[in-house]
Amino acid sequence: PKALGGFAPTDHGFAQFDHVRIPRENMLSKFSQVTDRGEYVQPPHAKLSYGGMLYIRANMVTGAGWLMAKAATVAIRYCTVRRQGNKGPDGLELQTITYPSVYIRLLPILSHAYVFIQLGRSVLTAFNTMSSRLSSGDTSLLAEMHATTSGLKVLVSTLGVHDLEVARRAMGGHGYNAFAGLGRLYADYLPSATYEGDNFVLDQQVVRAALKSYNALISSPDPSQASKHLSPSSAYLRLLMPGQSQ
């Protein structure tokens, strides 16, 4: 059983083995190898095994967008039907979606959904490009993809958890009912802040990548030329150099 009853269909557990021999041909070693003589051959890059995890993080961007879209759809439809408070010219109470205190909370969730769905598609395209190069031993895009997906995973999971709760609260007491569906979405999505990399740790990964790029920039004999070779995720660092502007 898990917190809040979330992730109920997914079993989590462990397996323990003692004195089990795994044949060499069953080692699932895509990048590293063990020779017939028992010698271990390291992969060309220490983080090549990150590929699978990066794929999940890349998919999380689009997934978060669709989740936000679900929350926005449920809450906006409810608040369009729900009437409460002051009466309008027709003699009926106003739709709650017409109150600024309501739509100012819900419309940003809808905009987040559009942004992350489209952004996720772009990230997956970039990931596929990186994967095709990895298959031939080219690791030049790996560090950039790691930094990008780490930062986006923190952003979408943090914002997704927040947006789900905001959407639920905008529905008032009905949002807490199980039939609203948002409580289940929240419980299932809440662990996204820790799985596939704890957000606190991934924050540090992003900062580490930025500092590495910045140190390389300022230590270059010609920073103005070095700034032209910054990766897309660190291109903004050129603005920190004297005389640089947008």
C-alpha atoms as a PDB file:
ATOM      1  CA  PRO A   1       0.000   0.000   0.000  1.00  0.00           C
ATOM      2  CA  LYS A   2       1.171   3.511  -0.794  1.00  0.00           C
ATOM      3  CA  ALA A   3       0.518   6.978   0.595  1.00  0.00           C
ATOM      4  CA  LEU A   4      -2.943   8.354  -0.207  1.00  0.00           C
ATOM      5  CA  GLY A   5      -3.733   5.125  -2.042  1.00  0.00           C
ATOM      6  CA  GLY A   6      -1.904   6.369  -5.121  1.00  0.00           C
ATOM      7  CA  PHE A   7      -0.242   4.158  -7.730  1.00  0.00           C
ATOM      8  CA  ALA A   8      -2.441   1.286  -6.579  1.00  0.00           C
ATOM      9  CA  PRO A   9      -2.233  -0.763  -9.828  1.00  0.00           C
ATOM     10  CA  THR A  10       1.588  -0.754  -9.711  1.00  0.00           C
ATOM     11  CA  ASP A  11       3.292  -3.357  -7.537  1.00  0.00           C
ATOM     12  CA  HIS A  12       6.524  -2.369  -5.845  1.00  0.00           C
ATOM     13  CA  GLY A  13       8.669  -4.838  -3.967  1.00  0.00           C
ATOM     14  CA  PHE A  14      12.056  -6.485  -3.963  1.00  0.00           C
ATOM     15  CA  ALA A  15      13.710  -9.771  -4.830  1.00  0.00           C
ATOM     16  CA  GLN A  16      16.665 -11.323  -3.082  1.00  0.00           C
ATOM     17  CA  PHE A  17      18.949 -13.933  -4.651  1.00  0.00           C
ATOM     18  CA  ASP A  18      21.636 -16.048  -3.079  1.00  0.00           C
ATOM     19  CA  HIS A  19      24.291 -17.954  -5.038  1.00  0.00           C
ATOM     20  CA  VAL A  20      22.623 -17.398  -8.397  1.00  0.00           C
ATOM     21  CA  ARG A  21      24.776 -17.564 -11.521  1.00  0.00           C
ATOM     22  CA  ILE A  22      23.809 -15.447 -14.508  1.00  0.00           C
ATOM     23  CA  PRO A  23      25.132 -16.654 -17.876  1.00  0.00           C
ATOM     24  CA  ARG A  24      27.213 -14.051 -19.663  1.00  0.00           C
ATOM     25  CA  GLU A  25      24.866 -13.951 -22.660  1.00  0.00           C
ATOM     26  CA  ASN A  26      21.982 -12.990 -20.337  1.00  0.00           C
ATOM     27  CA  MET A  27      23.586  -9.934 -18.794  1.00  0.00           C
ATOM     28  CA  LEU A  28      21.589  -7.402 -20.838  1.00  0.00           C
ATOM     29  CA  SER A  29      24.811  -5.457 -21.361  1.00  0.00           C
ATOM     30  CA  LYS A  30      24.222  -3.053 -24.205  1.00  0.00           C
ATOM     31  CA  PHE A  31      27.235  -0.806 -23.705  1.00  0.00           C
ATOM     32  CA  SER A  32      29.536  -2.637 -21.257  1.00  0.00           C
ATOM     33  CA  GLN A  33      30.796  -6.157 -21.818  1.00  0.00           C
ATOM     34  CA  VAL A  34      32.419  -9.103 -20.064  1.00  0.00           C
ATOM     35  CA  THR A  35      34.765 -11.111 -22.253  1.00  0.00           C
ATOM     36  CA  ASP A  36      35.019 -14.922 -22.349  1.00  0.00           C
ATOM     37  CA  ARG A  37      38.057 -14.588 -20.078  1.00  0.00           C
ATOM     38  CA  GLY A  38      36.059 -12.689 -17.460  1.00  0.00           C
ATOM     39  CA  GLU A  39      37.496  -9.273 -18.212  1.00  0.00           C
ATOM     40  CA  TYR A  40      35.152  -6.307 -17.786  1.00  0.00           C
ATOM     41  CA  VAL A  41      35.026  -3.804 -20.655  1.00  0.00           C
ATOM     42  CA  GLN A  42      33.784  -0.384 -19.598  1.00  0.00           C
ATOM     43  CA  PRO A  43      31.275   1.551 -21.723  1.00  0.00           C
ATOM     44  CA  PRO A  44      32.650   4.484 -23.766  1.00  0.00           C
ATOM     45  CA  HIS A  45      30.874   6.905 -21.416  1.00  0.00           C
ATOM     46  CA  ALA A  46      30.208   6.370 -17.703  1.00  0.00           C
ATOM     47  CA  LYS A  47      26.621   7.645 -18.008  1.00  0.00           C
ATOM     48  CA  LEU A  48      25.510   5.723 -21.073  1.00  0.00           C
ATOM     49  CA  SER A  49      23.194   3.674 -18.891  1.00  0.00           C
ATOM     50  CA  TYR A  50      21.253   6.865 -18.169  1.00  0.00           C
ATOM     51  CA  GLY A  51      19.540   6.525 -21.540  1.00  0.00           C
ATOM     52  CA  GLY A  52      16.521   4.656 -20.199  1.00  0.00           C
ATOM     53  CA  MET A  53      16.026   7.106 -17.349  1.00  0.00           C
ATOM     54  CA  LEU A  54      16.370  10.079 -19.683  1.00  0.00           C
ATOM     55  CA  TYR A  55      13.708   8.578 -21.918  1.00  0.00           C
ATOM     56  CA  ILE A  56      11.254   8.420 -19.012  1.00  0.00           C
ATOM     57  CA  ARG A  57      12.062  11.983 -17.975  1.00  0.00           C
ATOM     58  CA  ALA A  58      11.561  13.192 -21.538  1.00  0.00           C
ATOM     59  CA  ASN A  59       8.145  11.512 -21.642  1.00  0.00           C
ATOM     60  CA  MET A  60       7.224  13.043 -18.299  1.00  0.00           C
ATOM     61  CA  VAL A  61       7.072  16.495 -19.886  1.00  0.00           C
ATOM     62  CA  THR A  62       4.278  15.570 -22.292  1.00  0.00           C
ATOM     63  CA  GLY A  63       2.619  13.398 -19.637  1.00  0.00           C
ATOM     64  CA  ALA A  64       2.513  16.307 -17.208  1.00  0.00           C
ATOM     65  CA  GLY A  65       0.957  18.488 -19.888  1.00  0.00           C
ATOM     66  CA  TRP A  66      -1.890  16.043 -20.497  1.00  0.00           C
ATOM     67  CA  LEU A  67      -2.392  15.655 -16.751  1.00  0.00           C
ATOM     68  CA  MET A  68      -2.725  19.403 -16.355  1.00  0.00           C
ATOM     69  CA  ALA A  69      -5.125  19.400 -19.291  1.00  0.00           C
ATOM     70  CA  LYS A  70      -7.320  16.846 -17.504  1.00  0.00           C
ATOM     71  CA  ALA A  71      -7.331  18.879 -14.303  1.00  0.00           C
ATOM     72  CA  ALA A  72      -8.095  22.105 -16.172  1.00  0.00           C
ATOM     73  CA  THR A  73     -10.905  20.449 -18.161  1.00  0.00           C
ATOM     74  CA  VAL A  74     -12.611  19.033 -15.073  1.00  0.00           C
ATOM     75  CA  ALA A  75     -12.304  22.214 -13.009  1.00  0.00           C
ATOM     76  CA  ILE A  76     -13.234  24.675 -15.780  1.00  0.00           C
ATOM     77  CA  ARG A  77     -16.273  22.642 -16.831  1.00  0.00           C
ATOM     78  CA  TYR A  78     -17.408  22.383 -13.224  1.00  0.00           C
ATOM     79  CA  CYS A  79     -16.952  26.087 -12.582  1.00  0.00           C
ATOM     80  CA  THR A  80     -18.827  26.886 -15.796  1.00  0.00           C
ATOM     81  CA  VAL A  81     -21.857  24.929 -14.588  1.00  0.00           C
ATOM     82  CA  ARG A  82     -21.613  25.801 -10.903  1.00  0.00           C
ATOM     83  CA  ARG A  83     -23.485  28.957  -9.890  1.00  0.00           C
ATOM     84  CA  GLN A  84     -23.021  30.679  -6.578  1.00  0.00           C
ATOM     85  CA  GLY A  85     -23.007  34.128  -5.021  1.00  0.00           C
ATOM     86  CA  ASN A  86     -24.227  37.317  -6.641  1.00  0.00           C
ATOM     87  CA  LYS A  87     -27.078  37.332  -9.119  1.00  0.00           C
ATOM     88  CA  GLY A  88     -26.692  38.459 -12.714  1.00  0.00           C
ATOM     89  CA  PRO A  89     -29.131  40.370 -14.978  1.00  0.00           C
ATOM     90  CA  ASP A  90     -30.948  37.090 -15.721  1.00  0.00           C
ATOM     91  CA  GLY A  91     -31.744  36.629 -12.048  1.00  0.00           C
ATOM     92  CA  LEU A  92     -29.514  33.589 -11.730  1.00  0.00           C
ATOM     93  CA  GLU A  93     -26.485  33.339  -9.517  1.00  0.00           C
ATOM     94  CA  LEU A  94     -23.227  33.955 -11.386  1.00  0.00           C
ATOM     95  CA  GLN A  95     -21.166  31.089 -12.771  1.00  0.00           C
ATOM     96  CA  THR A  96     -18.184  30.649 -10.490  1.00  0.00           C
ATOM     97  CA  ILE A  97     -15.832  30.732 -13.507  1.00  0.00           C
ATOM     98  CA  THR A  98     -16.757  34.427 -13.950  1.00  0.00           C
ATOM     99  CA  TYR A  99     -15.190  35.371 -10.615  1.00  0.00           C
ATOM    100  CA  PRO A 100     -11.605  36.660 -11.075  1.00  0.00           C
ATOM    101  CA  SER A 101     -10.510  34.745  -7.968  1.00  0.00           C
ATOM    102  CA  VAL A 102     -11.474  31.523  -9.775  1.00  0.00           C
ATOM    103  CA  TYR A 103     -10.381  31.989 -13.372  1.00  0.00           C
ATOM    104  CA  ILE A 104      -7.090  33.580 -12.314  1.00  0.00           C
ATOM    105  CA  ARG A 105      -6.249  30.185 -10.834  1.00  0.00           C
ATOM    106  CA  LEU A 106      -7.562  27.933 -13.603  1.00  0.00           C
ATOM    107  CA  LEU A 107      -6.480  29.654 -16.816  1.00  0.00           C
ATOM    108  CA  PRO A 108      -2.735  29.382 -16.004  1.00  0.00           C
ATOM    109  CA  ILE A 109      -3.185  25.604 -15.615  1.00  0.00           C
ATOM    110  CA  LEU A 110      -4.664  25.450 -19.101  1.00  0.00           C
ATOM    111  CA  SER A 111      -1.748  27.449 -20.497  1.00  0.00           C
ATOM    112  CA  HIS A 112       0.742  25.162 -18.734  1.00  0.00           C
ATOM    113  CA  ALA A 113      -0.906  22.181 -20.399  1.00  0.00           C
ATOM    114  CA  TYR A 114      -0.448  23.612 -23.890  1.00  0.00           C
ATOM    115  CA  VAL A 115       3.174  24.563 -23.200  1.00  0.00           C
ATOM    116  CA  PHE A 116       4.271  21.221 -21.782  1.00  0.00           C
ATOM    117  CA  ILE A 117       2.496  19.088 -24.374  1.00  0.00           C
ATOM    118  CA  GLN A 118       4.268  20.931 -27.181  1.00  0.00           C
ATOM    119  CA  LEU A 119       7.558  21.170 -25.299  1.00  0.00           C
ATOM    120  CA  GLY A 120       7.470  17.456 -24.536  1.00  0.00           C
ATOM    121  CA  ARG A 121       7.223  16.650 -28.231  1.00  0.00           C
ATOM    122  CA  SER A 122      10.303  18.751 -28.909  1.00  0.00           C
ATOM    123  CA  VAL A 123      12.200  17.076 -26.078  1.00  0.00           C
ATOM    124  CA  LEU A 124      11.345  13.613 -27.427  1.00  0.00           C
ATOM    125  CA  THR A 125      12.599  14.614 -30.858  1.00  0.00           C
ATOM    126  CA  ALA A 126      15.877  15.751 -29.287  1.00  0.00           C
ATOM    127  CA  PHE A 127      16.062  12.531 -27.268  1.00  0.00           C
ATOM    128  CA  ASN A 128      15.627  10.392 -30.394  1.00  0.00           C
ATOM    129  CA  THR A 129      18.469  12.292 -32.047  1.00  0.00           C
ATOM    130  CA  MET A 130      20.677  11.662 -29.030  1.00  0.00           C
ATOM    131  CA  SER A 131      19.731   7.964 -28.953  1.00  0.00           C
ATOM    132  CA  SER A 132      20.619   7.460 -32.597  1.00  0.00           C
ATOM    133  CA  ARG A 133      24.058   8.925 -31.908  1.00  0.00           C
ATOM    134  CA  LEU A 134      24.507   6.872 -28.761  1.00  0.00           C
ATOM    135  CA  SER A 135      23.965   3.676 -30.723  1.00  0.00           C
ATOM    136  CA  SER A 136      27.078   4.539 -32.714  1.00  0.00           C
ATOM    137  CA  GLY A 137      29.079   5.521 -29.624  1.00  0.00           C
ATOM    138  CA  ASP A 138      28.631   9.290 -29.978  1.00  0.00           C
ATOM    139  CA  THR A 139      28.034  10.744 -26.498  1.00  0.00           C
ATOM    140  CA  SER A 140      28.302  14.431 -27.446  1.00  0.00           C
ATOM    141  CA  LEU A 141      24.618  15.155 -26.724  1.00  0.00           C
ATOM    142  CA  LEU A 142      24.331  13.096 -23.531  1.00  0.00           C
ATOM    143  CA  ALA A 143      25.345  15.791 -21.021  1.00  0.00           C
ATOM    144  CA  GLU A 144      23.024  18.354 -22.605  1.00  0.00           C
ATOM    145  CA  MET A 145      20.081  15.938 -22.588  1.00  0.00           C
ATOM    146  CA  HIS A 146      20.781  14.999 -18.972  1.00  0.00           C
ATOM    147  CA  ALA A 147      20.781  18.649 -17.854  1.00  0.00           C
ATOM    148  CA  THR A 148      17.706  19.523 -19.919  1.00  0.00           C
ATOM    149  CA  THR A 149      15.577  16.579 -18.836  1.00  0.00           C
ATOM    150  CA  SER A 150      16.671  16.983 -15.206  1.00  0.00           C
ATOM    151  CA  GLY A 151      15.542  20.593 -15.122  1.00  0.00           C
ATOM    152  CA  LEU A 152      12.304  19.893 -16.957  1.00  0.00           C
ATOM    153  CA  LYS A 153      11.484  16.927 -14.744  1.00  0.00           C
ATOM    154  CA  VAL A 154      11.774  19.143 -11.656  1.00  0.00           C
ATOM    155  CA  LEU A 155       9.689  21.866 -13.289  1.00  0.00           C
ATOM    156  CA  VAL A 156       6.823  19.748 -14.616  1.00  0.00           C
ATOM    157  CA  SER A 157       6.478  17.529 -11.547  1.00  0.00           C
ATOM    158  CA  THR A 158       6.547  20.442  -9.098  1.00  0.00           C
ATOM    159  CA  LEU A 159       4.164  22.508 -11.181  1.00  0.00           C
ATOM    160  CA  GLY A 160       1.940  19.493 -11.937  1.00  0.00           C
ATOM    161  CA  VAL A 161       1.438  18.634  -8.270  1.00  0.00           C
ATOM    162  CA  HIS A 162       0.687  22.280  -7.535  1.00  0.00           C
ATOM    163  CA  ASP A 163      -1.735  22.699 -10.446  1.00  0.00           C
ATOM    164  CA  LEU A 164      -3.704  19.574  -9.550  1.00  0.00           C
ATOM    165  CA  GLU A 165      -4.275  20.861  -6.049  1.00  0.00           C
ATOM    166  CA  VAL A 166      -5.184  24.352  -7.293  1.00  0.00           C
ATOM    167  CA  ALA A 167      -7.735  22.866  -9.700  1.00  0.00           C
ATOM    168  CA  ARG A 168      -9.229  20.737  -6.932  1.00  0.00           C
ATOM    169  CA  ARG A 169      -9.593  23.680  -4.563  1.00  0.00           C
ATOM    170  CA  ALA A 170     -11.218  25.800  -7.267  1.00  0.00           C
ATOM    171  CA  MET A 171     -14.096  23.313  -7.256  1.00  0.00           C
ATOM    172  CA  GLY A 172     -14.798  23.907  -3.585  1.00  0.00           C
ATOM    173  CA  GLY A 173     -16.021  20.992  -1.501  1.00  0.00           C
ATOM    174  CA  HIS A 174     -17.013  18.995  -4.582  1.00  0.00           C
ATOM    175  CA  GLY A 175     -13.357  18.875  -5.608  1.00  0.00           C
ATOM    176  CA  TYR A 176     -12.608  16.715  -2.596  1.00  0.00           C
ATOM    177  CA  ASN A 177     -15.220  14.132  -3.568  1.00  0.00           C
ATOM    178  CA  ALA A 178     -13.901  11.011  -5.231  1.00  0.00           C
ATOM    179  CA  PHE A 179     -16.265  11.422  -8.174  1.00  0.00           C
ATOM    180  CA  ALA A 180     -14.476  14.636  -9.155  1.00  0.00           C
ATOM    181  CA  GLY A 181     -11.440  12.541 -10.078  1.00  0.00           C
ATOM    182  CA  LEU A 182      -8.835  15.130  -9.131  1.00  0.00           C
ATOM    183  CA  GLY A 183      -8.015  13.502  -5.807  1.00  0.00           C
ATOM    184  CA  ARG A 184      -7.004  10.304  -7.580  1.00  0.00           C
ATOM    185  CA  LEU A 185      -4.938  12.223 -10.145  1.00  0.00           C
ATOM    186  CA  TYR A 186      -3.178  14.051  -7.320  1.00  0.00           C
ATOM    187  CA  ALA A 187      -2.424  10.856  -5.367  1.00  0.00           C
ATOM    188  CA  ASP A 188      -1.052   9.139  -8.474  1.00  0.00           C
ATOM    189  CA  TYR A 189       1.086  12.092  -9.560  1.00  0.00           C
ATOM    190  CA  LEU A 190       2.448  13.139  -6.169  1.00  0.00           C
ATOM    191  CA  PRO A 191       5.356  10.619  -6.204  1.00  0.00           C
ATOM    192  CA  SER A 192       6.611  12.110  -9.480  1.00  0.00           C
ATOM    193  CA  ALA A 193       8.611  14.531  -7.339  1.00  0.00           C
ATOM    194  CA  THR A 194      10.769  11.629  -6.165  1.00  0.00           C
ATOM    195  CA  TYR A 195      10.726   8.866  -8.789  1.00  0.00           C
ATOM    196  CA  GLU A 196      13.138   8.974 -11.745  1.00  0.00           C
ATOM    197  CA  GLY A 197      15.364  11.235  -9.672  1.00  0.00           C
ATOM    198  CA  ASP A 198      14.508  13.155  -6.516  1.00  0.00           C
ATOM    199  CA  ASN A 199      13.796  16.769  -7.402  1.00  0.00           C
ATOM    200  CA  PHE A 200      16.166  18.106  -4.754  1.00  0.00           C
ATOM    201  CA  VAL A 201      19.028  16.076  -6.241  1.00  0.00           C
ATOM    202  CA  LEU A 202      18.127  16.954  -9.829  1.00  0.00           C
ATOM    203  CA  ASP A 203      18.141  20.644  -8.929  1.00  0.00           C
ATOM    204  CA  GLN A 204      21.791  20.210  -7.979  1.00  0.00           C
ATOM    205  CA  GLN A 205      22.493  18.414 -11.258  1.00  0.00           C
ATOM    206  CA  VAL A 206      21.164  21.384 -13.210  1.00  0.00           C
ATOM    207  CA  VAL A 207      23.196  23.873 -11.172  1.00  0.00           C
ATOM    208  CA  ARG A 208      26.298  21.707 -11.538  1.00  0.00           C
ATOM    209  CA  ALA A 209      25.928  21.673 -15.332  1.00  0.00           C
ATOM    210  CA  ALA A 210      25.441  25.446 -15.396  1.00  0.00           C
ATOM    211  CA  LEU A 211      28.510  26.069 -13.214  1.00  0.00           C
ATOM    212  CA  LYS A 212      30.596  23.749 -15.385  1.00  0.00           C
ATOM    213  CA  SER A 213      29.612  25.668 -18.508  1.00  0.00           C
ATOM    214  CA  TYR A 214      30.182  29.017 -16.807  1.00  0.00           C
ATOM    215  CA  ASN A 215      33.635  28.063 -15.526  1.00  0.00           C
ATOM    216  CA  ALA A 216      34.616  26.885 -19.003  1.00  0.00           C
ATOM    217  CA  LEU A 217      33.362  30.184 -20.404  1.00  0.00           C
ATOM    218  CA  ILE A 218      35.207  32.531 -18.056  1.00  0.00           C
ATOM    219  CA  SER A 219      38.433  30.496 -18.181  1.00  0.00           C
ATOM    220  CA  SER A 220      38.531  30.561 -21.976  1.00  0.00           C
ATOM    221  CA  PRO A 221      41.243  32.754 -23.579  1.00  0.00           C
ATOM    222  CA  ASP A 222      38.520  34.281 -25.758  1.00  0.00           C
ATOM    223  CA  PRO A 223      35.179  34.201 -23.907  1.00  0.00           C
ATOM    224  CA  SER A 224      33.373  35.970 -26.752  1.00  0.00           C
ATOM    225  CA  GLN A 225      34.201  33.090 -29.085  1.00  0.00           C
ATOM    226  CA  ALA A 226      33.591  30.451 -26.428  1.00  0.00           C
ATOM    227  CA  SER A 227      30.094  31.821 -25.809  1.00  0.00           C
ATOM    228  CA  LYS A 228      29.168  30.884 -29.380  1.00  0.00           C
ATOM    229  CA  HIS A 229      29.712  27.214 -28.544  1.00  0.00           C
ATOM    230  CA  LEU A 230      27.535  27.082 -25.440  1.00  0.00           C
ATOM    231  CA  SER A 231      24.861  24.391 -25.435  1.00  0.00           C
ATOM    232  CA  PRO A 232      21.232  25.498 -25.891  1.00  0.00           C
ATOM    233  CA  SER A 233      20.454  25.051 -22.206  1.00  0.00           C
ATOM    234  CA  SER A 234      23.406  27.212 -21.127  1.00  0.00           C
ATOM    235  CA  ALA A 235      23.391  29.834 -23.898  1.00  0.00           C
ATOM    236  CA  TYR A 236      21.982  32.403 -21.455  1.00  0.00           C
ATOM    237  CA  LEU A 237      25.316  32.415 -19.619  1.00  0.00           C
ATOM    238  CA  ARG A 238      26.770  34.625 -22.340  1.00  0.00           C
ATOM    239  CA  LEU A 239      24.701  37.475 -20.889  1.00  0.00           C
ATOM    240  CA  LEU A 240      26.876  37.362 -17.771  1.00  0.00           C
ATOM    241  CA  MET A 241      29.960  38.309 -19.770  1.00  0.00           C
ATOM    242  CA  PRO A 242      30.996  41.994 -19.897  1.00  0.00           C
ATOM    243  CA  GLY A 243      29.719  43.787 -22.976  1.00  0.00           C
ATOM    244  CA  GLN A 244      27.234  41.054 -23.862  1.00  0.00           C
ATOM    245  CA  SER A 245      23.544  41.733 -24.429  1.00  0.00           C
ATOM    246  CA  GLN A 246      20.524  40.017 -25.894  1.00  0.00           C
END
